[in-house]
Every structure is written in C-alpha cells, then in structure tokens.
C-alpha cells in the first residue's frame, strides 16, 4: 500500500515537471529558430542559392547563365574551352565561381578532363586538383560533377577535403548518390560544406522545371534555405530569367552558397545546444524526482 501511494505521489509530481520540460524545450527551439512563433513582425526572407553547373563547353549558353540576375553561382568544368573566359566574366558581374570537379560515377561514364577516378592515389589527387584550381581563376568553392561512385569512398573524400581545407574552399555535395559520405568527411576536416536539395532540370521540360522550382520555394519557406542546382540549357535559362526577379514576392532572397552554409551551421549548432539543454534539464528533474521519492 505504501509503495502504491509513493508511486502515485511520484506520478503527481512527475506530470507538472514533464509539462514544464516540454514548455522549456519548445521555448528553446523557438529561440534557436527551429520552431516558428508569430511575433507580429515581418519574417526574414528565406534564402535560395542557385548553382549553374557544367559551364565551359558552350560559350553562348554559358554566357547566358553568367548573365542571370542576382547572386547566381557559376560552377565551371576544368580544362573546358570556355571555362576560364566564363569564370572571368562571372567575376566581373559579381558572381561567385566554383570548380565543378569531375569524380568517378557508379555506372562507368567516361571521366572528363581534370577528374578523379577510383584508381587515383592521394598524391595524384593532390596534383590533379591543384592543377584544376590553378587553371580556373576566382575559385571560391568546389562541387562534384557526377561522383556517384567516388563520393561513397571515405578515403578519397578525406583526401579531397584535406586539399579544400588547405585552400580555404567550401564544398557543395551535389548528392548524385544517397550513399555519399562527402559532407561527413568535410565536417571532420573542418571544411565549410552543404548539400544540394533540388536538381532543377533533371527532367528537361517546362512543367518539370517549374514544378521543381515550386518545390524549391516551398522548401526554402519551410526550412529557411534551399540549394538548387541547374544547368545552362536554353529552356532552364529562359525560366530562371523569368522567375529570379520575382523571388522576393515569394518571400525568397537569392543568396551565395557561403551564406546558406553559415545559415545552416547556425541552426545546426542551435539545435545541438537545444537538445543538450533539454537533456540536462531532464536529467536534473529526474534526479530531483528520485530524491523526493527514495
């Protein structure tokens, strides 16, 4: 009878403490930006980074991409006929330039010039990537071209991230495979990194591209940021020329990739801190309950 009464008393004590813990976690998450609470103020615009991949082979298509309005990021394939010229023009227009580094694909597609295969050793990789980076001016970061095979291999990704860390370059995982380990290895090497969320023109027709854009806008509004990858196809450029100027009306601001990385890292850190605080609070309250009910 005494044990039953003790358990009942502990339950009465536990219920309000658990309720206050839930309120504590909710408030902490709101402060960290992981829960939206209406305050009557205009929310900050969500941010979208758009990367145009595969630049360098076709000059006029590439030039149209470079001349898109706003902070579109231009990712250039190494050793291409017009890559350097497009990078210089992009820089003149205030666009950020990335190296679109070819990495070995799972299904055996031919590796393009300046690329890394599964057979490439560490020293050879350092030499190839250094040559690519020295060839392309104004490089601020790197993302993978293909790479569904190589981004699965921790050794190669560790070597690559070491090179990027030594040059203070950021990395975007194009996510050509769900089995990629690139972001994990980037974080281990303290490389600023994020991943692609949406391929805009995976299907090259107008309805599919507009649907992918709508999905990207929804993701940005829900999560605060989105990273989009597109290609310099005339149809894609036509739609982006139309849509980019209208993004602010949707509550979206075009941003650079580093800004998205900083935004995501802040929220990732805030979530970790919130969970740690909640765990400490729970442990303290459980200890109090146990001491009150020996």
C-alpha atoms as a PDB file:
ATOM      1  CA  UNK A   1       0.000   0.000   0.000  1.00  0.00           C
ATOM      2  CA  UNK A   2       2.827   2.390   0.879  1.00  0.00           C
ATOM      3  CA  UNK A   3       4.623   1.578  -2.391  1.00  0.00           C
ATOM      4  CA  UNK A   4       1.443   2.257  -4.387  1.00  0.00           C
ATOM      5  CA  UNK A   5       0.968   5.602  -2.615  1.00  0.00           C
ATOM      6  CA  UNK A   6       4.609   6.510  -3.268  1.00  0.00           C
ATOM      7  CA  UNK A   7       4.273   5.741  -6.959  1.00  0.00           C
ATOM      8  CA  UNK A   8       1.048   7.775  -7.120  1.00  0.00           C
ATOM      9  CA  UNK A   9       2.748  10.719  -5.395  1.00  0.00           C
ATOM     10  CA  UNK A  10       5.696  10.467  -7.773  1.00  0.00           C
ATOM     11  CA  UNK A  11       3.306  10.443 -10.734  1.00  0.00           C
ATOM     12  CA  UNK A  12       1.589  13.596  -9.476  1.00  0.00           C
ATOM     13  CA  UNK A  13       4.990  15.232  -9.084  1.00  0.00           C
ATOM     14  CA  UNK A  14       6.254  13.998 -12.456  1.00  0.00           C
ATOM     15  CA  UNK A  15       3.315  15.272 -14.529  1.00  0.00           C
ATOM     16  CA  UNK A  16       3.814  19.028 -13.968  1.00  0.00           C
ATOM     17  CA  UNK A  17       7.570  18.649 -14.212  1.00  0.00           C
ATOM     18  CA  UNK A  18       7.267  16.885 -17.557  1.00  0.00           C
ATOM     19  CA  UNK A  19       4.850  19.583 -18.752  1.00  0.00           C
ATOM     20  CA  UNK A  20       7.287  22.334 -17.776  1.00  0.00           C
ATOM     21  CA  UNK A  21      10.072  20.443 -19.544  1.00  0.00           C
ATOM     22  CA  UNK A  22       8.029  20.355 -22.768  1.00  0.00           C
ATOM     23  CA  UNK A  23       7.475  24.103 -22.474  1.00  0.00           C
ATOM     24  CA  UNK A  24      11.195  24.603 -21.856  1.00  0.00           C
ATOM     25  CA  UNK A  25      12.164  22.592 -24.952  1.00  0.00           C
ATOM     26  CA  UNK A  26       9.580  24.398 -27.103  1.00  0.00           C
ATOM     27  CA  UNK A  27      10.810  27.800 -25.953  1.00  0.00           C
ATOM     28  CA  UNK A  28      14.420  26.808 -26.534  1.00  0.00           C
ATOM     29  CA  UNK A  29      13.661  25.574 -30.031  1.00  0.00           C
ATOM     30  CA  UNK A  30      11.804  28.771 -30.809  1.00  0.00           C
ATOM     31  CA  UNK A  31      14.796  30.795 -29.656  1.00  0.00           C
ATOM     32  CA  UNK A  32      17.036  28.631 -31.818  1.00  0.00           C
ATOM     33  CA  UNK A  33      14.873  29.184 -34.859  1.00  0.00           C
ATOM     34  CA  UNK A  34      13.698  25.565 -35.139  1.00  0.00           C
ATOM     35  CA  UNK A  35      10.105  26.455 -34.302  1.00  0.00           C
ATOM     36  CA  UNK A  36       8.366  29.453 -35.831  1.00  0.00           C
ATOM     37  CA  UNK A  37       6.389  31.686 -33.466  1.00  0.00           C
ATOM     38  CA  UNK A  38       4.439  34.602 -34.856  1.00  0.00           C
ATOM     39  CA  UNK A  39       5.585  37.874 -33.295  1.00  0.00           C
ATOM     40  CA  UNK A  40       3.709  40.327 -35.459  1.00  0.00           C
ATOM     41  CA  UNK A  41       6.949  41.340 -37.248  1.00  0.00           C
ATOM     42  CA  UNK A  42       7.792  40.631 -40.867  1.00  0.00           C
ATOM     43  CA  UNK A  43       9.827  37.385 -41.047  1.00  0.00           C
ATOM     44  CA  UNK A  44      13.274  37.458 -42.618  1.00  0.00           C
ATOM     45  CA  UNK A  45      13.221  36.241 -46.216  1.00  0.00           C
ATOM     46  CA  UNK A  46      14.151  32.647 -46.810  1.00  0.00           C
ATOM     47  CA  UNK A  47      17.355  32.243 -48.819  1.00  0.00           C
ATOM     48  CA  UNK A  48      17.991  30.321 -52.023  1.00  0.00           C
ATOM     49  CA  UNK A  49      21.347  29.540 -53.606  1.00  0.00           C
ATOM     50  CA  UNK A  50      21.239  28.649 -57.301  1.00  0.00           C
ATOM     51  CA  UNK A  51      24.285  26.913 -58.788  1.00  0.00           C
ATOM     52  CA  UNK A  52      24.608  26.615 -62.556  1.00  0.00           C
ATOM     53  CA  UNK A  53      26.701  23.508 -63.275  1.00  0.00           C
ATOM     54  CA  UNK A  54      28.548  22.233 -66.351  1.00  0.00           C
ATOM     55  CA  UNK A  55      29.805  25.598 -67.584  1.00  0.00           C
ATOM     56  CA  UNK A  56      32.685  25.734 -70.034  1.00  0.00           C
ATOM     57  CA  UNK A  57      31.819  23.704 -73.108  1.00  0.00           C
ATOM     58  CA  UNK A  58      29.383  26.087 -74.841  1.00  0.00           C
ATOM     59  CA  UNK A  59      30.209  29.783 -74.687  1.00  0.00           C
ATOM     60  CA  UNK A  60      26.882  31.408 -75.554  1.00  0.00           C
ATOM     61  CA  UNK A  61      24.860  29.121 -73.263  1.00  0.00           C
ATOM     62  CA  UNK A  62      27.420  29.698 -70.514  1.00  0.00           C
ATOM     63  CA  UNK A  63      27.371  33.458 -71.030  1.00  0.00           C
ATOM     64  CA  UNK A  64      23.595  33.488 -70.685  1.00  0.00           C
ATOM     65  CA  UNK A  65      23.953  31.638 -67.366  1.00  0.00           C
ATOM     66  CA  UNK A  66      26.640  34.037 -66.146  1.00  0.00           C
ATOM     67  CA  UNK A  67      24.380  36.985 -67.005  1.00  0.00           C
ATOM     68  CA  UNK A  68      21.411  35.717 -64.964  1.00  0.00           C
ATOM     69  CA  UNK A  69      20.212  38.345 -62.472  1.00  0.00           C
ATOM     70  CA  UNK A  70      21.324  38.232 -58.861  1.00  0.00           C
ATOM     71  CA  UNK A  71      23.796  36.101 -56.910  1.00  0.00           C
ATOM     72  CA  UNK A  72      23.722  33.019 -59.101  1.00  0.00           C
ATOM     73  CA  UNK A  73      26.792  30.811 -58.558  1.00  0.00           C
ATOM     74  CA  UNK A  74      28.720  29.624 -61.627  1.00  0.00           C
ATOM     75  CA  UNK A  75      30.308  26.158 -61.450  1.00  0.00           C
ATOM     76  CA  UNK A  76      32.859  25.560 -64.221  1.00  0.00           C
ATOM     77  CA  UNK A  77      34.232  22.271 -65.507  1.00  0.00           C
ATOM     78  CA  UNK A  78      38.048  22.173 -65.598  1.00  0.00           C
ATOM     79  CA  UNK A  79      40.030  22.296 -68.834  1.00  0.00           C
ATOM     80  CA  UNK A  80      36.998  23.234 -70.939  1.00  0.00           C
ATOM     81  CA  UNK A  81      37.337  25.508 -73.992  1.00  0.00           C
ATOM     82  CA  UNK A  82      35.484  28.471 -72.486  1.00  0.00           C
ATOM     83  CA  UNK A  83      35.762  27.775 -68.753  1.00  0.00           C
ATOM     84  CA  UNK A  84      38.355  30.400 -67.900  1.00  0.00           C
ATOM     85  CA  UNK A  85      36.690  33.071 -70.028  1.00  0.00           C
ATOM     86  CA  UNK A  86      33.313  32.445 -68.396  1.00  0.00           C
ATOM     87  CA  UNK A  87      34.862  32.489 -64.899  1.00  0.00           C
ATOM     88  CA  UNK A  88      36.457  35.870 -65.591  1.00  0.00           C
ATOM     89  CA  UNK A  89      33.156  37.255 -66.865  1.00  0.00           C
ATOM     90  CA  UNK A  90      31.275  35.824 -63.890  1.00  0.00           C
ATOM     91  CA  UNK A  91      33.677  37.526 -61.510  1.00  0.00           C
ATOM     92  CA  UNK A  92      33.252  40.833 -63.369  1.00  0.00           C
ATOM     93  CA  UNK A  93      29.492  40.550 -62.863  1.00  0.00           C
ATOM     94  CA  UNK A  94      29.858  39.824 -59.138  1.00  0.00           C
ATOM     95  CA  UNK A  95      29.086  36.123 -59.426  1.00  0.00           C
ATOM     96  CA  UNK A  96      30.869  33.539 -57.305  1.00  0.00           C
ATOM     97  CA  UNK A  97      32.864  30.898 -59.202  1.00  0.00           C
ATOM     98  CA  UNK A  98      33.132  27.222 -58.276  1.00  0.00           C
ATOM     99  CA  UNK A  99      35.155  24.358 -59.700  1.00  0.00           C
ATOM    100  CA  UNK A 100      32.819  21.627 -60.950  1.00  0.00           C
ATOM    101  CA  UNK A 101      35.183  18.750 -60.208  1.00  0.00           C
ATOM    102  CA  UNK A 102      34.586  15.536 -62.206  1.00  0.00           C
ATOM    103  CA  UNK A 103      34.502  12.462 -59.967  1.00  0.00           C
ATOM    104  CA  UNK A 104      34.087   8.836 -60.974  1.00  0.00           C
ATOM    105  CA  UNK A 105      30.488   7.731 -61.460  1.00  0.00           C
ATOM    106  CA  UNK A 106      28.942   4.445 -60.429  1.00  0.00           C
ATOM    107  CA  UNK A 107      27.841   3.391 -63.912  1.00  0.00           C
ATOM    108  CA  UNK A 108      31.119   3.902 -65.702  1.00  0.00           C
ATOM    109  CA  UNK A 109      30.541   7.182 -67.542  1.00  0.00           C
ATOM    110  CA  UNK A 110      33.710   8.469 -69.151  1.00  0.00           C
ATOM    111  CA  UNK A 111      35.668  10.682 -66.769  1.00  0.00           C
ATOM    112  CA  UNK A 112      36.161  14.203 -68.074  1.00  0.00           C
ATOM    113  CA  UNK A 113      39.452  16.102 -68.129  1.00  0.00           C
ATOM    114  CA  UNK A 114      40.753  17.126 -64.724  1.00  0.00           C
ATOM    115  CA  UNK A 115      38.763  14.403 -62.979  1.00  0.00           C
ATOM    116  CA  UNK A 116      39.406  11.892 -60.188  1.00  0.00           C
ATOM    117  CA  UNK A 117      38.901   8.140 -60.612  1.00  0.00           C
ATOM    118  CA  UNK A 118      38.723   5.382 -58.043  1.00  0.00           C
ATOM    119  CA  UNK A 119      42.277   4.392 -59.026  1.00  0.00           C
ATOM    120  CA  UNK A 120      43.655   7.863 -58.303  1.00  0.00           C
ATOM    121  CA  UNK A 121      46.011   7.812 -55.314  1.00  0.00           C
ATOM    122  CA  UNK A 122      46.414  10.568 -52.749  1.00  0.00           C
ATOM    123  CA  UNK A 123      49.432  12.260 -54.323  1.00  0.00           C
ATOM    124  CA  UNK A 124      47.915  12.057 -57.798  1.00  0.00           C
ATOM    125  CA  UNK A 125      44.683  13.566 -56.473  1.00  0.00           C
ATOM    126  CA  UNK A 126      46.569  16.436 -54.877  1.00  0.00           C
ATOM    127  CA  UNK A 127      48.336  17.090 -58.166  1.00  0.00           C
ATOM    128  CA  UNK A 128      45.154  16.904 -60.311  1.00  0.00           C
ATOM    129  CA  UNK A 129      43.021  19.084 -58.035  1.00  0.00           C
ATOM    130  CA  UNK A 130      45.809  21.646 -57.607  1.00  0.00           C
ATOM    131  CA  UNK A 131      46.162  21.813 -61.386  1.00  0.00           C
ATOM    132  CA  UNK A 132      42.391  22.294 -61.817  1.00  0.00           C
ATOM    133  CA  UNK A 133      42.279  25.032 -59.186  1.00  0.00           C
ATOM    134  CA  UNK A 134      45.304  26.819 -60.605  1.00  0.00           C
ATOM    135  CA  UNK A 135      43.781  26.668 -64.094  1.00  0.00           C
ATOM    136  CA  UNK A 136      40.438  28.216 -63.097  1.00  0.00           C
ATOM    137  CA  UNK A 137      40.523  31.817 -61.777  1.00  0.00           C
ATOM    138  CA  UNK A 138      38.473  33.209 -58.880  1.00  0.00           C
ATOM    139  CA  UNK A 139      37.506  29.816 -57.425  1.00  0.00           C
ATOM    140  CA  UNK A 140      35.728  30.088 -54.063  1.00  0.00           C
ATOM    141  CA  UNK A 141      34.445  26.537 -53.718  1.00  0.00           C
ATOM    142  CA  UNK A 142      34.027  23.100 -55.290  1.00  0.00           C
ATOM    143  CA  UNK A 143      31.159  20.798 -56.101  1.00  0.00           C
ATOM    144  CA  UNK A 144      31.217  17.367 -57.682  1.00  0.00           C
ATOM    145  CA  UNK A 145      30.373  16.611 -61.305  1.00  0.00           C
ATOM    146  CA  UNK A 146      28.814  13.140 -61.232  1.00  0.00           C
ATOM    147  CA  UNK A 147      30.688  11.262 -58.482  1.00  0.00           C
ATOM    148  CA  UNK A 148      28.097   8.651 -57.542  1.00  0.00           C
ATOM    149  CA  UNK A 149      30.965   6.188 -57.086  1.00  0.00           C
ATOM    150  CA  UNK A 150      33.728   8.304 -55.585  1.00  0.00           C
ATOM    151  CA  UNK A 151      31.618  10.236 -53.036  1.00  0.00           C
ATOM    152  CA  UNK A 152      30.837   6.885 -51.409  1.00  0.00           C
ATOM    153  CA  UNK A 153      34.517   6.270 -50.591  1.00  0.00           C
ATOM    154  CA  UNK A 154      35.727   7.770 -47.283  1.00  0.00           C
ATOM    155  CA  UNK A 155      39.416   7.616 -48.216  1.00  0.00           C
ATOM    156  CA  UNK A 156      39.080   9.670 -51.379  1.00  0.00           C
ATOM    157  CA  UNK A 157      36.695  12.112 -49.738  1.00  0.00           C
ATOM    158  CA  UNK A 158      39.086  12.574 -46.813  1.00  0.00           C
ATOM    159  CA  UNK A 159      41.920  13.353 -49.231  1.00  0.00           C
ATOM    160  CA  UNK A 160      39.758  15.791 -51.195  1.00  0.00           C
ATOM    161  CA  UNK A 161      38.557  17.626 -48.095  1.00  0.00           C
ATOM    162  CA  UNK A 162      42.130  17.948 -46.876  1.00  0.00           C
ATOM    163  CA  UNK A 163      43.004  19.730 -50.128  1.00  0.00           C
ATOM    164  CA  UNK A 164      39.995  22.054 -49.842  1.00  0.00           C
ATOM    165  CA  UNK A 165      40.781  22.815 -46.207  1.00  0.00           C
ATOM    166  CA  UNK A 166      44.347  23.787 -47.110  1.00  0.00           C
ATOM    167  CA  UNK A 167      42.998  26.294 -49.641  1.00  0.00           C
ATOM    168  CA  UNK A 168      40.072  27.549 -47.520  1.00  0.00           C
ATOM    169  CA  UNK A 169      37.487  26.492 -50.119  1.00  0.00           C
ATOM    170  CA  UNK A 170      33.896  25.474 -49.397  1.00  0.00           C
ATOM    171  CA  UNK A 171      32.270  22.308 -50.748  1.00  0.00           C
ATOM    172  CA  UNK A 172      28.789  21.504 -52.046  1.00  0.00           C
ATOM    173  CA  UNK A 173      27.830  17.852 -52.308  1.00  0.00           C
ATOM    174  CA  UNK A 174      25.784  17.537 -55.493  1.00  0.00           C
ATOM    175  CA  UNK A 175      24.310  14.337 -53.980  1.00  0.00           C
ATOM    176  CA  UNK A 176      24.441  12.112 -57.032  1.00  0.00           C
ATOM    177  CA  UNK A 177      24.045   9.136 -54.698  1.00  0.00           C
ATOM    178  CA  UNK A 178      22.146   8.722 -51.411  1.00  0.00           C
ATOM    179  CA  UNK A 179      25.189   6.832 -50.088  1.00  0.00           C
ATOM    180  CA  UNK A 180      27.541   9.823 -50.183  1.00  0.00           C
ATOM    181  CA  UNK A 181      29.888  10.403 -47.242  1.00  0.00           C
ATOM    182  CA  UNK A 182      31.218  13.729 -48.548  1.00  0.00           C
ATOM    183  CA  UNK A 183      29.520  16.033 -46.025  1.00  0.00           C
ATOM    184  CA  UNK A 184      30.544  13.847 -43.082  1.00  0.00           C
ATOM    185  CA  UNK A 185      34.190  13.930 -44.208  1.00  0.00           C
ATOM    186  CA  UNK A 186      34.016  17.670 -44.915  1.00  0.00           C
ATOM    187  CA  UNK A 187      32.909  18.324 -41.340  1.00  0.00           C
ATOM    188  CA  UNK A 188      35.647  16.077 -39.986  1.00  0.00           C
ATOM    189  CA  UNK A 189      38.183  18.174 -41.908  1.00  0.00           C
ATOM    190  CA  UNK A 190      36.552  21.485 -40.852  1.00  0.00           C
ATOM    191  CA  UNK A 191      35.578  22.330 -44.436  1.00  0.00           C
ATOM    192  CA  UNK A 192      32.563  24.623 -44.811  1.00  0.00           C
ATOM    193  CA  UNK A 193      30.060  22.470 -46.661  1.00  0.00           C
ATOM    194  CA  UNK A 194      26.448  21.861 -47.543  1.00  0.00           C
ATOM    195  CA  UNK A 195      24.489  19.741 -49.984  1.00  0.00           C
ATOM    196  CA  UNK A 196      22.215  20.149 -52.947  1.00  0.00           C
ATOM    197  CA  UNK A 197      18.498  19.973 -52.209  1.00  0.00           C
ATOM    198  CA  UNK A 198      16.889  20.233 -55.659  1.00  0.00           C
ATOM    199  CA  UNK A 199      18.020  19.407 -59.182  1.00  0.00           C
ATOM    200  CA  UNK A 200      16.040  21.931 -61.181  1.00  0.00           C
ATOM    201  CA  UNK A 201      16.235  20.424 -64.647  1.00  0.00           C
ATOM    202  CA  UNK A 202      16.757  16.724 -64.050  1.00  0.00           C
ATOM    203  CA  UNK A 203      13.826  16.375 -66.445  1.00  0.00           C
ATOM    204  CA  UNK A 204      14.266  18.836 -69.271  1.00  0.00           C
ATOM    205  CA  UNK A 205      10.716  20.007 -69.881  1.00  0.00           C
ATOM    206  CA  UNK A 206       8.950  23.163 -68.782  1.00  0.00           C
ATOM    207  CA  UNK A 207       6.384  21.576 -66.477  1.00  0.00           C
ATOM    208  CA  UNK A 208       9.034  19.548 -64.633  1.00  0.00           C
ATOM    209  CA  UNK A 209      11.347  22.555 -64.232  1.00  0.00           C
ATOM    210  CA  UNK A 210       8.543  24.781 -62.905  1.00  0.00           C
ATOM    211  CA  UNK A 211       7.427  22.021 -60.550  1.00  0.00           C
ATOM    212  CA  UNK A 212      11.000  21.661 -59.245  1.00  0.00           C
ATOM    213  CA  UNK A 213      11.173  25.444 -58.741  1.00  0.00           C
ATOM    214  CA  UNK A 214       7.906  25.389 -56.795  1.00  0.00           C
ATOM    215  CA  UNK A 215       9.315  22.586 -54.640  1.00  0.00           C
ATOM    216  CA  UNK A 216      12.482  24.624 -54.032  1.00  0.00           C
ATOM    217  CA  UNK A 217      10.458  27.679 -53.000  1.00  0.00           C
ATOM    218  CA  UNK A 218       8.345  25.608 -50.618  1.00  0.00           C
ATOM    219  CA  UNK A 219      11.470  24.062 -49.084  1.00  0.00           C
ATOM    220  CA  UNK A 220      13.077  27.472 -48.592  1.00  0.00           C
ATOM    221  CA  UNK A 221       9.964  28.846 -46.915  1.00  0.00           C
ATOM    222  CA  UNK A 222       9.643  25.808 -44.642  1.00  0.00           C
ATOM    223  CA  UNK A 223      13.314  25.333 -43.725  1.00  0.00           C
ATOM    224  CA  UNK A 224      14.729  28.815 -44.252  1.00  0.00           C
ATOM    225  CA  UNK A 225      17.170  27.868 -47.020  1.00  0.00           C
ATOM    226  CA  UNK A 226      17.494  25.759 -50.135  1.00  0.00           C
ATOM    227  CA  UNK A 227      20.327  24.884 -52.535  1.00  0.00           C
ATOM    228  CA  UNK A 228      19.317  24.416 -56.168  1.00  0.00           C
ATOM    229  CA  UNK A 229      21.470  23.055 -58.994  1.00  0.00           C
ATOM    230  CA  UNK A 230      20.599  23.761 -62.615  1.00  0.00           C
ATOM    231  CA  UNK A 231      22.331  23.564 -65.989  1.00  0.00           C
ATOM    232  CA  UNK A 232      22.830  26.030 -68.843  1.00  0.00           C
ATOM    233  CA  UNK A 233      20.078  24.646 -71.071  1.00  0.00           C
ATOM    234  CA  UNK A 234      18.233  27.368 -73.009  1.00  0.00           C
ATOM    235  CA  UNK A 235      14.891  26.291 -71.520  1.00  0.00           C
ATOM    236  CA  UNK A 236      16.254  26.418 -67.970  1.00  0.00           C
ATOM    237  CA  UNK A 237      17.781  29.852 -68.589  1.00  0.00           C
ATOM    238  CA  UNK A 238      14.506  31.174 -70.004  1.00  0.00           C
ATOM    239  CA  UNK A 239      12.584  30.085 -66.911  1.00  0.00           C
ATOM    240  CA  UNK A 240      15.211  31.388 -64.478  1.00  0.00           C
ATOM    241  CA  UNK A 241      15.341  34.758 -66.262  1.00  0.00           C
ATOM    242  CA  UNK A 242      11.610  34.994 -65.619  1.00  0.00           C
ATOM    243  CA  UNK A 243      11.478  33.587 -62.086  1.00  0.00           C
ATOM    244  CA  UNK A 244      14.544  35.051 -60.345  1.00  0.00           C
ATOM    245  CA  UNK A 245      13.331  38.702 -60.371  1.00  0.00           C
ATOM    246  CA  UNK A 246      10.014  37.541 -58.851  1.00  0.00           C
ATOM    247  CA  UNK A 247      11.549  35.558 -55.961  1.00  0.00           C
ATOM    248  CA  UNK A 248      11.270  38.452 -53.437  1.00  0.00           C
ATOM    249  CA  UNK A 249       7.495  38.445 -53.998  1.00  0.00           C
ATOM    250  CA  UNK A 250       7.538  34.831 -52.796  1.00  0.00           C
ATOM    251  CA  UNK A 251       9.498  35.747 -49.658  1.00  0.00           C
ATOM    252  CA  UNK A 252      12.767  34.398 -51.100  1.00  0.00           C
ATOM    253  CA  UNK A 253      16.125  36.150 -51.336  1.00  0.00           C
ATOM    254  CA  UNK A 254      18.776  34.880 -53.729  1.00  0.00           C
ATOM    255  CA  UNK A 255      21.999  34.282 -51.816  1.00  0.00           C
ATOM    256  CA  UNK A 256      25.517  32.981 -52.154  1.00  0.00           C
ATOM    257  CA  UNK A 257      26.408  29.424 -51.199  1.00  0.00           C
ATOM    258  CA  UNK A 258      28.579  30.528 -48.220  1.00  0.00           C
ATOM    259  CA  UNK A 259      25.606  32.433 -46.798  1.00  0.00           C
ATOM    260  CA  UNK A 260      23.482  29.275 -46.942  1.00  0.00           C
ATOM    261  CA  UNK A 261      26.290  27.314 -45.279  1.00  0.00           C
ATOM    262  CA  UNK A 262      26.542  29.868 -42.456  1.00  0.00           C
ATOM    263  CA  UNK A 263      22.754  29.902 -42.010  1.00  0.00           C
ATOM    264  CA  UNK A 264      22.564  26.116 -41.827  1.00  0.00           C
ATOM    265  CA  UNK A 265      25.514  25.832 -39.471  1.00  0.00           C
ATOM    266  CA  UNK A 266      23.967  28.373 -37.081  1.00  0.00           C
ATOM    267  CA  UNK A 267      20.729  26.406 -36.973  1.00  0.00           C
ATOM    268  CA  UNK A 268      22.544  23.103 -36.673  1.00  0.00           C
ATOM    269  CA  UNK A 269      24.503  24.464 -33.709  1.00  0.00           C
ATOM    270  CA  UNK A 270      21.331  25.872 -32.171  1.00  0.00           C
ATOM    271  CA  UNK A 271      19.570  22.509 -32.456  1.00  0.00           C
ATOM    272  CA  UNK A 272      22.517  20.737 -30.820  1.00  0.00           C
ATOM    273  CA  UNK A 273      22.511  23.273 -27.999  1.00  0.00           C
ATOM    274  CA  UNK A 274      18.745  22.935 -27.537  1.00  0.00           C
ATOM    275  CA  UNK A 275      18.940  19.149 -27.316  1.00  0.00           C
ATOM    276  CA  UNK A 276      21.845  19.329 -24.876  1.00  0.00           C
ATOM    277  CA  UNK A 277      19.979  21.798 -22.656  1.00  0.00           C
ATOM    278  CA  UNK A 278      16.843  19.663 -22.772  1.00  0.00           C
ATOM    279  CA  UNK A 279      18.832  16.555 -21.819  1.00  0.00           C
ATOM    280  CA  UNK A 280      20.448  18.365 -18.884  1.00  0.00           C
ATOM    281  CA  UNK A 281      17.081  19.687 -17.749  1.00  0.00           C
ATOM    282  CA  UNK A 282      15.510  16.242 -17.958  1.00  0.00           C
ATOM    283  CA  UNK A 283      18.374  14.649 -16.040  1.00  0.00           C
ATOM    284  CA  UNK A 284      18.137  17.276 -13.317  1.00  0.00           C
ATOM    285  CA  UNK A 285      14.390  16.901 -12.926  1.00  0.00           C
ATOM    286  CA  UNK A 286      14.566  13.105 -12.904  1.00  0.00           C
ATOM    287  CA  UNK A 287      17.261  13.290 -10.222  1.00  0.00           C
ATOM    288  CA  UNK A 288      15.018  15.594  -8.188  1.00  0.00           C
ATOM    289  CA  UNK A 289      12.066  13.201  -8.543  1.00  0.00           C
ATOM    290  CA  UNK A 290      14.205  10.271  -7.425  1.00  0.00           C
ATOM    291  CA  UNK A 291      15.499  12.176  -4.408  1.00  0.00           C
ATOM    292  CA  UNK A 292      11.943  13.172  -3.484  1.00  0.00           C
ATOM    293  CA  UNK A 293      10.784   9.560  -3.762  1.00  0.00           C
ATOM    294  CA  UNK A 294      13.581   7.366  -2.389  1.00  0.00           C
END
